[in-house]
C-alpha cells in the first residue's frame, strides 16, 4: 500500500468516527479530585504489625493503607515503606506500623483540583495521597493509577485507537 492510499484509508476511518469525544485540555485538570473514580481507604492502627498491614494490602490488592487513630489520619503505609524500610532490615511480624509509616502525610480535600494534586504528587514523589475531610478523617486515596485512568478517559478515541506500532518510513542510506 502506498502512502497516498494509507492516508486516504486513515482519513476515511476518522470521518466515519465523527461522534463527539471528550477532550483533554487544561480545564479538565481544574476539576475537583472528588470527580475521579477513587477508592475508599482501608485503615490500619499504628499499633498493628507490619505483617498484618501487608497481609491486608495483599488481600485487597492495595499499594497502601491509611493509618488512623480515632478515625483521624496519622500516617500512610505504602509498598515503598515495605521495600525501603522492612525487607532485609526488620522482622515484619515484630515491627509496628507506626515505626515505619510516613507520619503526617500531605493530604488533600475533595474539592482540591486534579492539577493541584497531580503537581503535589510529582513534586513530592508520591504514588498515593489521602483525601480527607475538614476533621482529618480519610475519605479516599488517590493514586497515580487513578489519575492516569482519568487522563485516558479524556483522550479522544482517535488517539486511543492508533495502530499498535507507529508507521515509520525507513530511509536507506547509500553506502551504509
Protein backbone atom coordinates (compact mmCIF):
# COMPACT_ATOMS: atom_id res chain seq x y z
CA UNK A 1 0.00 0.00 0.00
CA UNK A 2 1.48 3.36 -0.98
CA UNK A 3 1.49 6.48 1.17
CA UNK A 4 -1.47 8.10 -0.60
CA UNK A 5 -3.68 5.05 -0.11
CA UNK A 6 -2.66 4.81 3.54
CA UNK A 7 -3.51 8.47 4.17
CA UNK A 8 -6.85 8.04 2.39
CA UNK A 9 -7.67 4.97 4.50
CA UNK A 10 -6.87 6.86 7.72
CA UNK A 11 -8.99 9.83 6.56
CA UNK A 12 -11.99 7.57 5.95
CA UNK A 13 -11.57 5.90 9.35
CA UNK A 14 -11.63 9.24 11.14
CA UNK A 15 -14.55 10.63 9.12
CA UNK A 16 -16.68 7.56 9.93
CA UNK A 17 -15.96 8.03 13.62
CA UNK A 18 -17.04 11.65 13.84
CA UNK A 19 -19.11 11.36 17.01
CA UNK A 20 -18.13 13.91 19.68
CA UNK A 21 -15.47 12.82 22.14
CA UNK A 22 -14.23 14.24 25.39
CA UNK A 23 -11.10 16.25 25.10
CA UNK A 24 -8.16 16.67 27.37
CA UNK A 25 -7.19 20.27 27.97
CA UNK A 26 -6.07 22.41 30.89
CA UNK A 27 -9.65 22.99 32.10
CA UNK A 28 -10.07 19.23 32.52
CA UNK A 29 -7.44 19.29 35.26
CA UNK A 30 -9.24 22.05 37.15
CA UNK A 31 -11.97 19.58 38.08
CA UNK A 32 -12.01 18.59 41.77
CA UNK A 33 -10.41 15.29 42.72
CA UNK A 34 -13.78 14.05 44.01
CA UNK A 35 -14.82 13.67 40.34
CA UNK A 36 -12.33 10.84 39.87
CA UNK A 37 -13.15 7.21 40.47
CA UNK A 38 -11.03 6.82 43.60
CA UNK A 39 -11.29 4.10 46.18
CA UNK A 40 -12.28 4.34 49.79
CA UNK A 41 -9.31 3.93 52.09
CA UNK A 42 -8.55 0.85 54.12
CA UNK A 43 -7.31 1.88 57.55
CA UNK A 44 -4.97 0.18 59.99
CA UNK A 45 -3.95 1.12 63.51
CA UNK A 46 -0.43 2.41 64.19
CA UNK A 47 -0.01 -0.42 66.69
CA UNK A 48 -0.72 -3.20 64.20
CA UNK A 49 2.30 -5.10 62.96
CA UNK A 50 3.74 -4.54 59.53
CA UNK A 51 2.94 -8.21 58.76
CA UNK A 52 -0.75 -7.56 59.50
CA UNK A 53 -0.80 -4.43 57.33
CA UNK A 54 0.97 -6.20 54.46
CA UNK A 55 -1.50 -9.10 54.65
CA UNK A 56 -4.39 -6.62 54.30
CA UNK A 57 -2.65 -4.92 51.37
CA UNK A 58 -2.13 -8.28 49.66
CA UNK A 59 -5.71 -9.46 50.23
CA UNK A 60 -7.21 -6.19 48.98
CA UNK A 61 -4.56 -5.73 46.25
CA UNK A 62 -3.62 -2.27 47.52
CA UNK A 63 -0.47 -0.21 47.23
CA UNK A 64 -1.11 1.48 50.57
CA UNK A 65 -3.25 1.69 53.67
CA UNK A 66 -4.00 4.78 55.70
CA UNK A 67 -3.07 4.78 59.37
CA UNK A 68 -5.68 6.23 61.69
CA UNK A 69 -6.26 6.90 65.37
CA UNK A 70 -9.79 7.77 66.48
CA UNK A 71 -10.75 7.92 62.77
CA UNK A 72 -8.20 10.68 62.05
CA UNK A 73 -5.33 10.30 59.60
CA UNK A 74 -1.96 9.98 61.36
CA UNK A 75 0.03 8.29 58.61
CA UNK A 76 0.19 6.30 55.43
CA UNK A 77 1.88 2.93 54.97
CA UNK A 78 2.88 2.05 51.42
CA UNK A 79 4.51 -0.74 49.48
CA UNK A 80 7.52 1.54 49.18
CA UNK A 81 7.79 1.59 53.00
CA UNK A 82 7.89 -2.21 52.89
CA UNK A 83 10.65 -2.26 50.28
CA UNK A 84 12.81 0.50 51.69
CA UNK A 85 12.35 0.09 55.45
CA UNK A 86 11.45 -3.55 56.10
CA UNK A 87 12.69 -6.12 53.60
CA UNK A 88 16.12 -7.36 54.64
CA UNK A 89 16.24 -4.98 57.61
CA UNK A 90 13.46 -5.77 60.08
CA UNK A 91 11.06 -8.56 61.00
CA UNK A 92 7.58 -7.59 59.72
CA UNK A 93 5.94 -9.65 62.47
CA UNK A 94 7.60 -7.67 65.26
CA UNK A 95 7.65 -4.13 63.85
CA UNK A 96 4.67 -1.84 64.42
CA UNK A 97 3.29 0.19 61.51
CA UNK A 98 3.94 3.43 63.44
CA UNK A 99 7.70 2.72 63.34
CA UNK A 100 7.91 2.71 59.55
CA UNK A 101 4.87 4.60 58.23
CA UNK A 102 5.04 8.09 56.77
CA UNK A 103 3.74 10.22 59.63
CA UNK A 104 1.53 13.23 58.96
CA UNK A 105 1.42 12.72 55.20
CA UNK A 106 0.41 15.55 52.93
CA UNK A 107 -3.33 15.19 52.47
CA UNK A 108 -5.92 16.89 50.32
CA UNK A 109 -9.56 17.93 50.36
CA UNK A 110 -12.22 16.56 47.98
CA UNK A 111 -12.56 19.95 46.26
CA UNK A 112 -8.83 20.33 45.53
CA UNK A 113 -8.18 20.30 41.79
CA UNK A 114 -6.70 17.34 39.99
CA UNK A 115 -3.92 19.64 38.72
CA UNK A 116 -3.02 20.70 42.26
CA UNK A 117 -2.89 17.11 43.50
CA UNK A 118 -1.02 15.85 40.44
CA UNK A 119 1.60 18.56 40.91
CA UNK A 120 1.99 17.70 44.60
CA UNK A 121 2.38 14.02 43.71
CA UNK A 122 5.05 14.86 41.16
CA UNK A 123 6.99 17.26 43.40
CA UNK A 124 6.74 15.01 46.47
CA UNK A 125 7.32 11.74 44.62
CA UNK A 126 4.05 10.31 45.95
CA UNK A 127 2.20 7.42 44.34
CA UNK A 128 -0.74 7.62 46.74
CA UNK A 129 -2.25 10.59 48.55
CA UNK A 130 -5.02 10.61 51.14
CA UNK A 131 -8.15 12.70 50.63
CA UNK A 132 -9.58 13.82 53.99
CA UNK A 133 -12.50 15.85 55.30
CA UNK A 134 -12.10 19.01 57.42
CA UNK A 135 -11.71 16.93 60.59
CA UNK A 136 -8.90 14.84 59.10
CA UNK A 137 -10.98 11.70 58.54
CA UNK A 138 -9.79 9.79 55.45
CA UNK A 139 -12.41 9.71 52.70
CA UNK A 140 -10.38 8.25 49.83
CA UNK A 141 -6.91 7.57 48.50
CA UNK A 142 -5.95 8.95 45.08
CA UNK A 143 -3.24 7.06 43.23
CA UNK A 144 -1.16 7.70 40.14
CA UNK A 145 -3.16 4.88 38.52
CA UNK A 146 -6.41 6.74 39.23
CA UNK A 147 -5.11 9.90 37.58
CA UNK A 148 -3.70 8.05 34.57
CA UNK A 149 -7.10 6.36 34.15
CA UNK A 150 -8.79 9.77 34.30
CA UNK A 151 -6.42 11.11 31.64
CA UNK A 152 -7.05 8.11 29.38
CA UNK A 153 -10.81 8.56 29.77
CA UNK A 154 -10.40 12.06 28.32
CA UNK A 155 -8.25 11.18 25.33
CA UNK A 156 -10.14 11.32 22.07
CA UNK A 157 -10.97 7.90 20.63
CA UNK A 158 -8.78 8.52 17.59
CA UNK A 159 -5.75 8.84 19.87
CA UNK A 160 -6.60 5.67 21.80
CA UNK A 161 -7.25 3.70 18.61
CA UNK A 162 -3.96 4.35 16.89
CA UNK A 163 -2.26 1.33 15.35
CA UNK A 164 -0.18 -0.65 17.85
CA UNK A 165 3.09 0.27 16.15
CA UNK A 166 3.96 3.68 14.76
CA UNK A 167 4.14 3.91 11.00
CA UNK A 168 7.68 4.94 10.13
CA UNK A 169 9.45 5.40 6.91
CA UNK A 170 12.92 3.97 6.98
CA UNK A 171 15.31 5.63 4.65
CA UNK A 172 18.07 3.57 3.13
CA UNK A 173 21.32 5.44 3.19
CA UNK A 174 23.65 4.80 0.31
CA UNK A 175 26.89 3.17 1.23
CA UNK A 176 25.78 2.28 4.74
